Amino acid sequence: MKILEVLHKETILTDLKSTDKKGVLAELVVPVAKMTGIDREKLIRILMERERLGSTGIDGGIGIPHGKLKELNSPVIGFGLSKKGVNFESMDGRPTHIFFLLCTPENSTGLHLKLLARISRLLKNEGLKKKLKTISTKEEVISIIEADDEDF
């Protein structure tokens, strides 16, 4: 499955305004909640529960908040860019700029892990990360990811 099969234009946010973890999650879930019909507060609660287990902020300015929901029928990925950066309690202690939000059905652990791995592999590409940090449109995000979006 390719990332662009589950990342939709309407779930891409190119200018996150929040300055803290919960605020970023609240922003990221808005289009996902709208698209899936799942309550926004429930999405935030599930993501925050996952964050309590350990931050999903990895090094290099990347955050991959994720959660599983029984109400979902298929996976959904959201994207967000914070130009200023956010304290997302990342492993390297530096601000997080690029966010990929992953929501999958509760009973799809294998797919969940594969999508997390695919996003992580994609973001190991330093050139791609630099490009994503400079985007201003949803179309740019899609174009940049499309160039490296391989099926697994």
Protein backbone atom coordinates (compact mmCIF):
# COMPACT_ATOMS: atom_id res chain seq x y z
CA MET A 1 0.00 0.00 0.00
CA LYS A 2 1.32 3.42 -0.93
CA ILE A 3 1.16 6.37 1.44
CA LEU A 4 -0.79 8.38 -1.11
CA GLU A 5 -3.50 5.69 -1.09
CA VAL A 6 -4.37 6.77 2.47
CA LEU A 7 -3.13 10.38 2.56
CA HIS A 8 -5.83 12.58 1.08
CA LYS A 9 -5.55 16.17 -0.05
CA GLU A 10 -8.16 17.24 2.50
CA THR A 11 -6.09 15.79 5.40
CA ILE A 12 -3.02 17.90 4.54
CA LEU A 13 -2.38 21.02 6.64
CA THR A 14 0.43 23.24 5.39
CA ASP A 15 0.59 25.79 8.21
CA LEU A 16 -0.01 24.43 11.72
CA LYS A 17 -0.45 27.26 14.24
CA SER A 18 -0.29 25.38 17.55
CA THR A 19 2.75 25.64 19.77
CA ASP A 20 2.28 22.52 21.90
CA LYS A 21 1.67 18.80 21.45
CA LYS A 22 -2.03 18.69 22.31
CA GLY A 23 -2.73 21.72 20.11
CA VAL A 24 -0.97 20.15 17.12
CA LEU A 25 -2.92 16.92 17.61
CA ALA A 26 -6.15 18.91 17.84
CA GLU A 27 -5.35 20.63 14.53
CA LEU A 28 -4.28 17.43 12.77
CA VAL A 29 -7.47 15.55 13.69
CA VAL A 30 -9.91 18.16 12.36
CA PRO A 31 -9.81 17.05 8.69
CA VAL A 32 -9.51 13.36 9.67
CA ALA A 33 -12.58 13.64 11.91
CA LYS A 34 -14.48 15.39 9.14
CA MET A 35 -13.51 12.74 6.60
CA THR A 36 -14.20 9.70 8.81
CA GLY A 37 -17.10 10.97 10.90
CA ILE A 38 -15.24 10.05 14.11
CA ASP A 39 -15.56 12.48 17.00
CA ARG A 40 -12.63 14.91 17.17
CA GLU A 41 -12.30 14.64 20.94
CA LYS A 42 -12.17 10.85 20.74
CA LEU A 43 -9.36 11.02 18.17
CA ILE A 44 -7.40 13.44 20.37
CA ARG A 45 -7.93 11.22 23.43
CA ILE A 46 -6.66 8.10 21.62
CA LEU A 47 -3.60 9.95 20.31
CA MET A 48 -2.81 11.45 23.72
CA GLU A 49 -3.12 8.00 25.33
CA ARG A 50 -0.52 6.75 22.84
CA GLU A 51 1.72 9.75 23.60
CA ARG A 52 1.66 8.86 27.30
CA LEU A 53 3.35 5.55 26.43
CA GLY A 54 6.19 7.49 24.82
CA SER A 55 6.46 10.41 22.48
CA THR A 56 5.90 9.76 18.79
CA GLY A 57 8.27 12.65 18.11
CA ILE A 58 11.32 11.06 16.56
CA ASP A 59 14.53 12.88 15.77
CA GLY A 60 15.16 15.19 12.83
CA GLY A 61 12.04 17.33 13.29
CA ILE A 62 9.58 14.49 12.63
CA GLY A 63 6.46 13.44 14.54
CA ILE A 64 4.32 10.43 13.68
CA PRO A 65 1.39 10.46 16.10
CA HIS A 66 -0.72 7.34 15.62
CA GLY A 67 -3.61 5.36 17.01
CA LYS A 68 -6.03 2.54 16.29
CA LEU A 69 -9.80 2.98 16.30
CA LYS A 70 -12.51 0.36 16.12
CA GLU A 71 -14.79 2.82 14.27
CA LEU A 72 -12.43 3.05 11.28
CA ASN A 73 -12.89 0.80 8.26
CA SER A 74 -9.68 1.78 6.50
CA PRO A 75 -6.47 3.62 7.37
CA VAL A 76 -6.18 7.39 7.11
CA ILE A 77 -3.02 9.49 7.09
CA GLY A 78 -2.90 13.21 7.77
CA PHE A 79 0.02 15.56 7.19
CA GLY A 80 0.91 18.78 8.94
CA LEU A 81 3.74 21.28 8.74
CA SER A 82 4.71 23.63 11.54
CA LYS A 83 7.00 26.28 10.12
CA LYS A 84 8.03 27.49 13.60
CA GLY A 85 8.40 24.03 15.10
CA VAL A 86 6.73 22.54 18.17
CA ASN A 87 8.03 20.97 21.36
CA PHE A 88 6.74 17.45 20.69
CA GLU A 89 9.04 15.84 23.27
CA SER A 90 11.09 14.28 20.48
CA MET A 91 13.99 11.95 21.14
CA ASP A 92 16.59 14.55 20.13
CA GLY A 93 14.89 17.34 22.12
CA ARG A 94 14.65 19.57 19.04
CA PRO A 95 11.48 21.19 17.65
CA THR A 96 9.22 19.08 15.43
CA HIS A 97 8.14 20.52 12.07
CA ILE A 98 6.80 17.63 9.96
CA PHE A 99 3.88 15.55 11.21
CA PHE A 100 2.31 12.44 9.76
CA LEU A 101 -0.84 11.41 11.62
CA LEU A 102 -1.73 7.73 11.19
CA CYS A 103 -5.10 6.30 12.17
CA THR A 104 -5.89 2.66 11.43
CA PRO A 105 -8.69 0.21 12.24
CA GLU A 106 -8.26 -1.44 15.64
CA ASN A 107 -7.81 -4.95 14.21
CA SER A 108 -5.16 -4.06 11.62
CA THR A 109 -1.93 -4.24 13.60
CA GLY A 110 0.09 -5.55 10.63
CA LEU A 111 -1.05 -2.77 8.32
CA HIS A 112 -0.54 -0.19 11.08
CA LEU A 113 3.08 -1.28 11.56
CA LYS A 114 3.73 -1.42 7.80
CA LEU A 115 2.44 2.12 7.32
CA LEU A 116 4.51 3.40 10.26
CA ALA A 117 7.58 1.74 8.76
CA ARG A 118 6.83 3.17 5.31
CA ILE A 119 6.48 6.71 6.68
CA SER A 120 9.71 6.29 8.66
CA ARG A 121 11.60 5.02 5.60
CA LEU A 122 10.28 7.89 3.51
CA LEU A 123 11.45 10.41 6.10
CA LYS A 124 14.99 9.03 6.24
CA ASN A 125 15.47 10.80 2.90
CA GLU A 126 17.05 14.11 3.96
CA GLY A 127 16.29 15.78 0.62
CA LEU A 128 12.61 14.88 0.92
CA LYS A 129 12.48 16.24 4.48
CA LYS A 130 14.05 19.52 3.37
CA LYS A 131 11.49 19.85 0.57
CA LEU A 132 8.58 19.10 2.92
CA LYS A 133 9.77 21.83 5.31
CA THR A 134 9.45 24.42 2.54
CA ILE A 135 6.05 23.53 1.07
CA SER A 136 3.19 25.99 0.92
CA THR A 137 0.48 24.01 -0.88
CA LYS A 138 -1.20 20.63 -0.49
CA GLU A 139 -0.27 19.83 -4.08
CA GLU A 140 3.42 20.27 -3.26
CA VAL A 141 3.15 17.74 -0.42
CA ILE A 142 1.52 15.20 -2.73
CA SER A 143 4.09 15.78 -5.47
CA ILE A 144 7.07 15.43 -3.10
CA ILE A 145 5.74 12.23 -1.52
CA GLU A 146 4.68 10.78 -4.88
CA ALA A 147 8.28 10.88 -6.12
CA ASP A 148 9.36 8.49 -3.33
CA ASP A 149 6.14 6.64 -2.50
CA GLU A 150 6.85 2.98 -3.10
CA ASP A 151 4.48 0.12 -2.58
CA PHE A 152 5.39 -2.46 0.09
